[in-house]
All heavy atoms as atom14 arrays in JSON, in Angstrom:
{
  "sequence": "QYEQAGITWYNDGKPVFKEVKELVDGHLYIIPGKQPMPARSV",
  "atom14_mask": [
    [1, 1, 1, 1, 1, 1, 1, 1, 1, 0, 0, 0, 0, 0],
    [1, 1, 1, 1, 1, 1, 1, 1, 1, 1, 1, 1, 0, 0],
    [1, 1, 1, 1, 1, 1, 1, 1, 1, 0, 0, 0, 0, 0],
    [1, 1, 1, 1, 1, 1, 1, 1, 1, 0, 0, 0, 0, 0],
    [1, 1, 1, 1, 1, 0, 0, 0, 0, 0, 0, 0, 0, 0],
    [1, 1, 1, 1, 0, 0, 0, 0, 0, 0, 0, 0, 0, 0],
    [1, 1, 1, 1, 1, 1, 1, 1, 0, 0, 0, 0, 0, 0],
    [1, 1, 1, 1, 1, 1, 1, 0, 0, 0, 0, 0, 0, 0],
    [1, 1, 1, 1, 1, 1, 1, 1, 1, 1, 1, 1, 1, 1],
    [1, 1, 1, 1, 1, 1, 1, 1, 1, 1, 1, 1, 0, 0],
    [1, 1, 1, 1, 1, 1, 1, 1, 0, 0, 0, 0, 0, 0],
    [1, 1, 1, 1, 1, 1, 1, 1, 0, 0, 0, 0, 0, 0],
    [1, 1, 1, 1, 0, 0, 0, 0, 0, 0, 0, 0, 0, 0],
    [1, 1, 1, 1, 1, 1, 1, 1, 1, 0, 0, 0, 0, 0],
    [1, 1, 1, 1, 1, 1, 1, 0, 0, 0, 0, 0, 0, 0],
    [1, 1, 1, 1, 1, 1, 1, 0, 0, 0, 0, 0, 0, 0],
    [1, 1, 1, 1, 1, 1, 1, 1, 1, 1, 1, 0, 0, 0],
    [1, 1, 1, 1, 1, 1, 1, 1, 1, 0, 0, 0, 0, 0],
    [1, 1, 1, 1, 1, 1, 1, 1, 1, 0, 0, 0, 0, 0],
    [1, 1, 1, 1, 1, 1, 1, 0, 0, 0, 0, 0, 0, 0],
    [1, 1, 1, 1, 1, 1, 1, 1, 1, 0, 0, 0, 0, 0],
    [1, 1, 1, 1, 1, 1, 1, 1, 1, 0, 0, 0, 0, 0],
    [1, 1, 1, 1, 1, 1, 1, 1, 0, 0, 0, 0, 0, 0],
    [1, 1, 1, 1, 1, 1, 1, 0, 0, 0, 0, 0, 0, 0],
    [1, 1, 1, 1, 1, 1, 1, 1, 0, 0, 0, 0, 0, 0],
    [1, 1, 1, 1, 0, 0, 0, 0, 0, 0, 0, 0, 0, 0],
    [1, 1, 1, 1, 1, 1, 1, 1, 1, 1, 0, 0, 0, 0],
    [1, 1, 1, 1, 1, 1, 1, 1, 0, 0, 0, 0, 0, 0],
    [1, 1, 1, 1, 1, 1, 1, 1, 1, 1, 1, 1, 0, 0],
    [1, 1, 1, 1, 1, 1, 1, 1, 0, 0, 0, 0, 0, 0],
    [1, 1, 1, 1, 1, 1, 1, 1, 0, 0, 0, 0, 0, 0],
    [1, 1, 1, 1, 1, 1, 1, 0, 0, 0, 0, 0, 0, 0],
    [1, 1, 1, 1, 0, 0, 0, 0, 0, 0, 0, 0, 0, 0],
    [1, 1, 1, 1, 1, 1, 1, 1, 1, 0, 0, 0, 0, 0],
    [1, 1, 1, 1, 1, 1, 1, 1, 1, 0, 0, 0, 0, 0],
    [1, 1, 1, 1, 1, 1, 1, 0, 0, 0, 0, 0, 0, 0],
    [1, 1, 1, 1, 1, 1, 1, 1, 0, 0, 0, 0, 0, 0],
    [1, 1, 1, 1, 1, 1, 1, 0, 0, 0, 0, 0, 0, 0],
    [1, 1, 1, 1, 1, 0, 0, 0, 0, 0, 0, 0, 0, 0],
    [1, 1, 1, 1, 1, 1, 1, 1, 1, 1, 1, 0, 0, 0],
    [1, 1, 1, 1, 1, 1, 0, 0, 0, 0, 0, 0, 0, 0],
    [1, 1, 1, 1, 1, 1, 1, 0, 0, 0, 0, 0, 0, 0]
  ],
  "atom14_positions": [
    [[-17.46, 26.46, -50.54], [-17.07, 25.13, -49.88], [-18.12, 24.79, -48.8], [-18.69, 25.66, -48.07], [-15.8, 25.4, -49.19], [-15.22, 24.24, -48.31], [-14.53, 23.1, -49.09], [-14.98, 22.87, -50.24], [-13.71, 22.48, -48.51], [0.0, 0.0, 0.0], [0.0, 0.0, 0.0], [0.0, 0.0, 0.0], [0.0, 0.0, 0.0], [0.0, 0.0, 0.0]],
    [[-18.57, 23.49, -48.85], [-19.59, 22.89, -48.01], [-20.99, 23.48, -48.25], [-21.91, 23.16, -47.52], [-19.15, 23.07, -46.49], [-17.75, 22.51, -46.2], [-16.85, 23.37, -45.51], [-17.42, 21.29, -46.65], [-15.63, 22.87, -45.24], [-16.11, 20.85, -46.33], [-15.24, 21.58, -45.66], [-13.98, 21.18, -45.36], [0.0, 0.0, 0.0], [0.0, 0.0, 0.0]],
    [[-21.24, 24.07, -49.34], [-22.64, 24.53, -49.75], [-23.39, 23.19, -49.93], [-22.9, 22.26, -50.57], [-22.54, 25.35, -51.05], [-23.87, 25.9, -51.43], [-23.73, 26.84, -52.58], [-22.62, 27.26, -52.93], [-24.78, 27.07, -53.3], [0.0, 0.0, 0.0], [0.0, 0.0, 0.0], [0.0, 0.0, 0.0], [0.0, 0.0, 0.0], [0.0, 0.0, 0.0]],
    [[-24.57, 23.07, -49.3], [-25.33, 21.81, -49.32], [-26.72, 21.92, -49.15], [-27.31, 22.98, -48.73], [-24.77, 20.97, -48.07], [-24.99, 21.7, -46.77], [-24.23, 20.96, -45.67], [-24.83, 20.07, -45.05], [-23.11, 21.3, -45.43], [0.0, 0.0, 0.0], [0.0, 0.0, 0.0], [0.0, 0.0, 0.0], [0.0, 0.0, 0.0], [0.0, 0.0, 0.0]],
    [[-27.47, 20.81, -49.5], [-28.96, 20.84, -49.35], [-29.28, 19.39, -49.21], [-28.74, 18.47, -49.82], [-29.59, 21.38, -50.59], [0.0, 0.0, 0.0], [0.0, 0.0, 0.0], [0.0, 0.0, 0.0], [0.0, 0.0, 0.0], [0.0, 0.0, 0.0], [0.0, 0.0, 0.0], [0.0, 0.0, 0.0], [0.0, 0.0, 0.0], [0.0, 0.0, 0.0]],
    [[-30.38, 19.19, -48.34], [-30.81, 17.74, -48.19], [-31.64, 17.62, -46.96], [-32.43, 18.52, -46.57], [0.0, 0.0, 0.0], [0.0, 0.0, 0.0], [0.0, 0.0, 0.0], [0.0, 0.0, 0.0], [0.0, 0.0, 0.0], [0.0, 0.0, 0.0], [0.0, 0.0, 0.0], [0.0, 0.0, 0.0], [0.0, 0.0, 0.0], [0.0, 0.0, 0.0]],
    [[-31.59, 16.44, -46.32], [-32.37, 16.04, -45.14], [-31.51, 16.1, -43.9], [-30.32, 15.59, -43.88], [-32.9, 14.54, -45.32], [-33.71, 14.4, -46.6], [-33.65, 14.15, -44.14], [-33.96, 13.03, -47.02], [0.0, 0.0, 0.0], [0.0, 0.0, 0.0], [0.0, 0.0, 0.0], [0.0, 0.0, 0.0], [0.0, 0.0, 0.0], [0.0, 0.0, 0.0]],
    [[-32.02, 16.68, -42.82], [-31.42, 16.63, -41.54], [-32.29, 16.06, -40.52], [-33.5, 16.27, -40.47], [-30.98, 18.11, -41.09], [-30.0, 18.61, -42.04], [-30.32, 18.12, -39.73], [0.0, 0.0, 0.0], [0.0, 0.0, 0.0], [0.0, 0.0, 0.0], [0.0, 0.0, 0.0], [0.0, 0.0, 0.0], [0.0, 0.0, 0.0], [0.0, 0.0, 0.0]],
    [[-31.7, 15.16, -39.63], [-32.5, 14.5, -38.58], [-32.11, 15.13, -37.25], [-30.92, 15.38, -36.92], [-32.16, 13.03, -38.41], [-33.01, 12.24, -37.64], [-32.91, 12.06, -36.32], [-34.21, 11.61, -38.07], [-33.99, 11.22, -35.89], [-34.8, 10.96, -36.93], [-34.91, 11.49, -39.29], [-35.99, 10.31, -37.03], [-35.97, 10.72, -39.33], [-36.56, 10.17, -38.21]],
    [[-33.16, 15.57, -36.56], [-33.0, 16.2, -35.25], [-33.43, 15.18, -34.14], [-34.44, 14.49, -34.26], [-33.83, 17.48, -35.06], [-33.28, 18.64, -35.86], [-33.54, 18.73, -37.23], [-32.66, 19.65, -35.29], [-33.04, 19.81, -37.94], [-32.1, 20.7, -35.97], [-32.29, 20.86, -37.33], [-31.82, 21.92, -38.07], [0.0, 0.0, 0.0], [0.0, 0.0, 0.0]],
    [[-32.67, 15.12, -33.06], [-32.9, 14.35, -31.87], [-32.86, 15.21, -30.68], [-31.81, 15.82, -30.37], [-31.93, 13.23, -31.82], [-32.12, 12.22, -30.68], [-31.56, 12.34, -29.6], [-33.01, 11.29, -30.92], [0.0, 0.0, 0.0], [0.0, 0.0, 0.0], [0.0, 0.0, 0.0], [0.0, 0.0, 0.0], [0.0, 0.0, 0.0], [0.0, 0.0, 0.0]],
    [[-33.97, 15.35, -29.97], [-34.04, 16.2, -28.77], [-33.6, 17.63, -29.08], [-32.85, 18.24, -28.31], [-33.24, 15.53, -27.63], [-33.76, 16.05, -26.32], [-34.91, 16.49, -26.17], [-32.92, 15.96, -25.29], [0.0, 0.0, 0.0], [0.0, 0.0, 0.0], [0.0, 0.0, 0.0], [0.0, 0.0, 0.0], [0.0, 0.0, 0.0], [0.0, 0.0, 0.0]],
    [[-34.02, 18.1, -30.25], [-33.77, 19.53, -30.63], [-32.41, 19.78, -31.19], [-32.02, 20.97, -31.61], [0.0, 0.0, 0.0], [0.0, 0.0, 0.0], [0.0, 0.0, 0.0], [0.0, 0.0, 0.0], [0.0, 0.0, 0.0], [0.0, 0.0, 0.0], [0.0, 0.0, 0.0], [0.0, 0.0, 0.0], [0.0, 0.0, 0.0], [0.0, 0.0, 0.0]],
    [[-31.55, 18.75, -31.43], [-30.21, 18.89, -31.96], [-30.06, 18.17, -33.25], [-30.5, 17.02, -33.36], [-29.14, 18.4, -31.04], [-29.11, 19.23, -29.75], [-28.07, 18.79, -28.71], [-28.19, 19.56, -27.51], [-27.99, 18.79, -26.26], [0.0, 0.0, 0.0], [0.0, 0.0, 0.0], [0.0, 0.0, 0.0], [0.0, 0.0, 0.0], [0.0, 0.0, 0.0]],
    [[-29.39, 18.74, -34.27], [-29.13, 17.98, -35.49], [-28.08, 16.95, -35.25], [-26.99, 17.22, -34.75], [-28.62, 19.06, -36.49], [-28.02, 20.2, -35.61], [-28.83, 20.15, -34.32], [0.0, 0.0, 0.0], [0.0, 0.0, 0.0], [0.0, 0.0, 0.0], [0.0, 0.0, 0.0], [0.0, 0.0, 0.0], [0.0, 0.0, 0.0], [0.0, 0.0, 0.0]],
    [[-28.45, 15.68, -35.57], [-27.62, 14.57, -35.3], [-27.13, 13.76, -36.51], [-26.19, 12.98, -36.46], [-28.2, 13.56, -34.27], [-28.34, 14.18, -32.9], [-29.49, 12.96, -34.75], [0.0, 0.0, 0.0], [0.0, 0.0, 0.0], [0.0, 0.0, 0.0], [0.0, 0.0, 0.0], [0.0, 0.0, 0.0], [0.0, 0.0, 0.0], [0.0, 0.0, 0.0]],
    [[-27.75, 14.06, -37.65], [-27.44, 13.38, -38.86], [-27.89, 14.17, -40.03], [-29.0, 14.85, -39.99], [-28.18, 12.01, -38.92], [-28.06, 11.29, -40.17], [-26.84, 10.6, -40.52], [-29.0, 11.41, -41.18], [-26.75, 10.02, -41.69], [-28.84, 10.86, -42.42], [-27.76, 10.05, -42.69], [0.0, 0.0, 0.0], [0.0, 0.0, 0.0], [0.0, 0.0, 0.0]],
    [[-27.13, 14.08, -41.22], [-27.62, 14.68, -42.35], [-27.32, 13.79, -43.58], [-26.36, 13.08, -43.62], [-27.0, 16.09, -42.66], [-25.45, 15.97, -42.9], [-24.86, 17.4, -43.14], [-23.39, 17.17, -43.43], [-22.75, 18.5, -43.7], [0.0, 0.0, 0.0], [0.0, 0.0, 0.0], [0.0, 0.0, 0.0], [0.0, 0.0, 0.0], [0.0, 0.0, 0.0]],
    [[-28.22, 13.87, -44.53], [-27.99, 13.25, -45.87], [-28.14, 14.36, -46.84], [-29.22, 14.91, -47.06], [-28.92, 12.07, -46.2], [-28.68, 11.55, -47.56], [-29.6, 10.44, -47.99], [-30.55, 10.14, -47.32], [-29.36, 9.88, -49.09], [0.0, 0.0, 0.0], [0.0, 0.0, 0.0], [0.0, 0.0, 0.0], [0.0, 0.0, 0.0], [0.0, 0.0, 0.0]],
    [[-27.03, 14.78, -47.44], [-27.04, 15.95, -48.28], [-26.27, 15.83, -49.62], [-25.38, 14.93, -49.7], [-26.5, 17.27, -47.62], [-27.35, 17.57, -46.38], [-25.03, 16.95, -47.02], [0.0, 0.0, 0.0], [0.0, 0.0, 0.0], [0.0, 0.0, 0.0], [0.0, 0.0, 0.0], [0.0, 0.0, 0.0], [0.0, 0.0, 0.0], [0.0, 0.0, 0.0]],
    [[-26.53, 16.7, -50.52], [-25.69, 16.93, -51.68], [-24.79, 18.11, -51.37], [-25.29, 19.2, -51.04], [-26.58, 17.2, -52.9], [-25.77, 17.39, -54.22], [-26.74, 17.68, -55.37], [-26.04, 17.91, -56.61], [-26.98, 18.39, -57.73], [0.0, 0.0, 0.0], [0.0, 0.0, 0.0], [0.0, 0.0, 0.0], [0.0, 0.0, 0.0], [0.0, 0.0, 0.0]],
    [[-23.44, 17.89, -51.23], [-22.6, 18.93, -50.75], [-21.41, 19.12, -51.56], [-20.8, 18.24, -52.15], [-22.12, 18.54, -49.33], [-21.24, 19.47, -48.61], [-21.08, 19.05, -47.14], [-21.72, 18.16, -46.64], [-20.16, 19.73, -46.48], [0.0, 0.0, 0.0], [0.0, 0.0, 0.0], [0.0, 0.0, 0.0], [0.0, 0.0, 0.0], [0.0, 0.0, 0.0]],
    [[-20.94, 20.41, -51.7], [-19.72, 20.77, -52.46], [-18.54, 20.71, -51.48], [-18.46, 21.38, -50.54], [-19.79, 22.18, -53.05], [-18.64, 22.58, -53.89], [-18.63, 21.87, -55.23], [-18.68, 24.16, -54.2], [0.0, 0.0, 0.0], [0.0, 0.0, 0.0], [0.0, 0.0, 0.0], [0.0, 0.0, 0.0], [0.0, 0.0, 0.0], [0.0, 0.0, 0.0]],
    [[-17.62, 19.85, -51.78], [-16.37, 19.61, -50.98], [-15.13, 19.61, -51.9], [-15.06, 18.82, -52.85], [-16.4, 18.26, -50.31], [-15.13, 18.15, -49.38], [-17.65, 18.17, -49.35], [0.0, 0.0, 0.0], [0.0, 0.0, 0.0], [0.0, 0.0, 0.0], [0.0, 0.0, 0.0], [0.0, 0.0, 0.0], [0.0, 0.0, 0.0], [0.0, 0.0, 0.0]],
    [[-14.3, 20.59, -51.7], [-13.06, 20.76, -52.41], [-13.36, 20.75, -53.98], [-12.59, 20.17, -54.78], [-12.09, 19.74, -52.13], [-11.59, 19.8, -50.72], [-11.65, 20.89, -50.06], [-11.4, 18.73, -50.04], [0.0, 0.0, 0.0], [0.0, 0.0, 0.0], [0.0, 0.0, 0.0], [0.0, 0.0, 0.0], [0.0, 0.0, 0.0], [0.0, 0.0, 0.0]],
    [[-14.35, 21.53, -54.39], [-14.71, 21.69, -55.75], [-15.47, 20.6, -56.43], [-15.77, 20.69, -57.66], [0.0, 0.0, 0.0], [0.0, 0.0, 0.0], [0.0, 0.0, 0.0], [0.0, 0.0, 0.0], [0.0, 0.0, 0.0], [0.0, 0.0, 0.0], [0.0, 0.0, 0.0], [0.0, 0.0, 0.0], [0.0, 0.0, 0.0], [0.0, 0.0, 0.0]],
    [[-15.88, 19.53, -55.71], [-16.6, 18.45, -56.25], [-17.93, 18.23, -55.5], [-17.89, 18.42, -54.21], [-15.79, 17.2, -56.23], [-14.56, 17.28, -57.08], [-14.59, 17.28, -58.46], [-13.21, 17.44, -56.72], [-13.28, 17.4, -58.88], [-12.5, 17.55, -57.91], [0.0, 0.0, 0.0], [0.0, 0.0, 0.0], [0.0, 0.0, 0.0], [0.0, 0.0, 0.0]],
    [[-18.99, 17.76, -56.15], [-20.27, 17.53, -55.41], [-20.3, 16.07, -55.1], [-19.93, 15.13, -55.81], [-21.45, 17.89, -56.35], [-21.76, 19.31, -56.52], [-22.71, 19.52, -57.64], [-22.25, 19.92, -55.26], [0.0, 0.0, 0.0], [0.0, 0.0, 0.0], [0.0, 0.0, 0.0], [0.0, 0.0, 0.0], [0.0, 0.0, 0.0], [0.0, 0.0, 0.0]],
    [[-20.71, 15.84, -53.83], [-20.9, 14.52, -53.2], [-22.16, 14.34, -52.51], [-22.76, 15.28, -52.09], [-19.76, 14.28, -52.19], [-18.34, 14.35, -52.72], [-17.61, 15.42, -52.56], [-17.85, 13.22, -53.46], [-16.27, 15.52, -53.09], [-16.47, 13.24, -53.93], [-15.73, 14.4, -53.77], [-14.42, 14.39, -54.29], [0.0, 0.0, 0.0], [0.0, 0.0, 0.0]],
    [[-22.51, 13.02, -52.32], [-23.55, 12.7, -51.37], [-22.8, 12.51, -50.06], [-21.97, 11.69, -49.98], [-24.39, 11.45, -51.79], [-25.11, 11.76, -53.08], [-25.32, 10.98, -50.72], [-26.24, 12.73, -52.97], [0.0, 0.0, 0.0], [0.0, 0.0, 0.0], [0.0, 0.0, 0.0], [0.0, 0.0, 0.0], [0.0, 0.0, 0.0], [0.0, 0.0, 0.0]],
    [[-23.26, 13.17, -49.07], [-22.56, 13.07, -47.71], [-23.82, 12.52, -46.78], [-24.9, 13.09, -46.8], [-22.11, 14.37, -47.24], [-21.06, 14.91, -48.17], [-21.47, 14.25, -45.75], [-19.77, 14.2, -48.32], [0.0, 0.0, 0.0], [0.0, 0.0, 0.0], [0.0, 0.0, 0.0], [0.0, 0.0, 0.0], [0.0, 0.0, 0.0], [0.0, 0.0, 0.0]],
    [[-23.62, 11.46, -46.02], [-22.33, 10.77, -45.7], [-21.92, 9.76, -46.83], [-22.75, 9.52, -47.77], [-22.63, 10.02, -44.46], [-24.13, 9.68, -44.59], [-24.66, 10.84, -45.3], [0.0, 0.0, 0.0], [0.0, 0.0, 0.0], [0.0, 0.0, 0.0], [0.0, 0.0, 0.0], [0.0, 0.0, 0.0], [0.0, 0.0, 0.0], [0.0, 0.0, 0.0]],
    [[-20.68, 9.31, -46.73], [-20.25, 8.32, -47.68], [-19.35, 8.87, -48.8], [-18.69, 8.24, -49.49], [0.0, 0.0, 0.0], [0.0, 0.0, 0.0], [0.0, 0.0, 0.0], [0.0, 0.0, 0.0], [0.0, 0.0, 0.0], [0.0, 0.0, 0.0], [0.0, 0.0, 0.0], [0.0, 0.0, 0.0], [0.0, 0.0, 0.0], [0.0, 0.0, 0.0]],
    [[-19.44, 10.25, -48.99], [-18.69, 10.94, -50.09], [-18.82, 10.28, -51.34], [-17.71, 9.97, -52.01], [-17.21, 11.15, -49.53], [-16.54, 12.35, -50.2], [-15.22, 12.68, -49.57], [-14.65, 13.91, -50.31], [-13.32, 14.17, -49.83], [0.0, 0.0, 0.0], [0.0, 0.0, 0.0], [0.0, 0.0, 0.0], [0.0, 0.0, 0.0], [0.0, 0.0, 0.0]],
    [[-20.02, 10.06, -51.82], [-20.21, 9.46, -53.13], [-20.35, 10.54, -54.16], [-21.08, 11.45, -54.01], [-21.57, 8.59, -53.08], [-21.58, 7.42, -52.12], [-20.49, 6.43, -52.34], [-20.31, 6.11, -53.51], [-19.8, 5.98, -51.37], [0.0, 0.0, 0.0], [0.0, 0.0, 0.0], [0.0, 0.0, 0.0], [0.0, 0.0, 0.0], [0.0, 0.0, 0.0]],
    [[-19.62, 10.52, -55.26], [-19.66, 11.5, -56.33], [-21.1, 11.72, -56.82], [-21.78, 10.76, -57.05], [-18.73, 10.99, -57.41], [-17.82, 10.01, -56.7], [-18.58, 9.42, -55.63], [0.0, 0.0, 0.0], [0.0, 0.0, 0.0], [0.0, 0.0, 0.0], [0.0, 0.0, 0.0], [0.0, 0.0, 0.0], [0.0, 0.0, 0.0], [0.0, 0.0, 0.0]],
    [[-21.46, 12.98, -57.01], [-22.82, 13.31, -57.43], [-22.76, 14.45, -58.38], [-23.07, 15.59, -57.97], [-23.71, 13.67, -56.18], [-25.16, 14.02, -56.5], [-26.02, 13.04, -57.74], [-25.77, 11.42, -57.1], [0.0, 0.0, 0.0], [0.0, 0.0, 0.0], [0.0, 0.0, 0.0], [0.0, 0.0, 0.0], [0.0, 0.0, 0.0], [0.0, 0.0, 0.0]],
    [[-22.47, 14.3, -59.65], [-22.38, 15.37, -60.59], [-23.83, 15.71, -61.03], [-23.92, 16.81, -61.75], [-21.56, 14.83, -61.66], [-21.76, 13.27, -61.66], [-21.99, 12.9, -60.16], [0.0, 0.0, 0.0], [0.0, 0.0, 0.0], [0.0, 0.0, 0.0], [0.0, 0.0, 0.0], [0.0, 0.0, 0.0], [0.0, 0.0, 0.0], [0.0, 0.0, 0.0]],
    [[-24.77, 14.92, -60.88], [-26.12, 15.23, -61.45], [-26.74, 16.51, -60.77], [-26.52, 16.75, -59.64], [-27.08, 14.07, -61.29], [0.0, 0.0, 0.0], [0.0, 0.0, 0.0], [0.0, 0.0, 0.0], [0.0, 0.0, 0.0], [0.0, 0.0, 0.0], [0.0, 0.0, 0.0], [0.0, 0.0, 0.0], [0.0, 0.0, 0.0], [0.0, 0.0, 0.0]],
    [[-27.43, 17.32, -61.55], [-28.08, 18.54, -61.06], [-29.22, 18.18, -60.1], [-29.47, 18.92, -59.15], [-28.64, 19.29, -62.25], [-29.1, 20.7, -61.95], [-29.4, 21.42, -63.29], [-30.35, 22.51, -62.99], [-31.7, 22.35, -63.29], [-32.21, 21.3, -63.86], [-32.47, 23.35, -62.96], [0.0, 0.0, 0.0], [0.0, 0.0, 0.0], [0.0, 0.0, 0.0]],
    [[-29.9, 17.05, -60.26], [-30.97, 16.63, -59.43], [-30.76, 15.27, -58.88], [-30.19, 14.41, -59.55], [-32.28, 16.76, -60.33], [-33.35, 16.42, -59.53], [0.0, 0.0, 0.0], [0.0, 0.0, 0.0], [0.0, 0.0, 0.0], [0.0, 0.0, 0.0], [0.0, 0.0, 0.0], [0.0, 0.0, 0.0], [0.0, 0.0, 0.0], [0.0, 0.0, 0.0]],
    [[-31.24, 15.06, -57.65], [-30.94, 13.8, -56.99], [-32.19, 13.49, -56.03], [-32.71, 14.41, -55.41], [-29.64, 13.63, -56.23], [-29.54, 14.65, -55.14], [-29.47, 12.18, -55.71], [0.0, 0.0, 0.0], [0.0, 0.0, 0.0], [0.0, 0.0, 0.0], [0.0, 0.0, 0.0], [0.0, 0.0, 0.0], [0.0, 0.0, 0.0], [0.0, 0.0, 0.0]]
  ]
}
């Protein structure tokens, strides 16, 4: 659950935003936006 990979934006040393491919409740999504992402590569 929540296994993920992608881009994280840091502001003043703190993570403030991420765009990732993430496993949520058994399904893969692009987060933010929770867009379905079944493809192996994106």
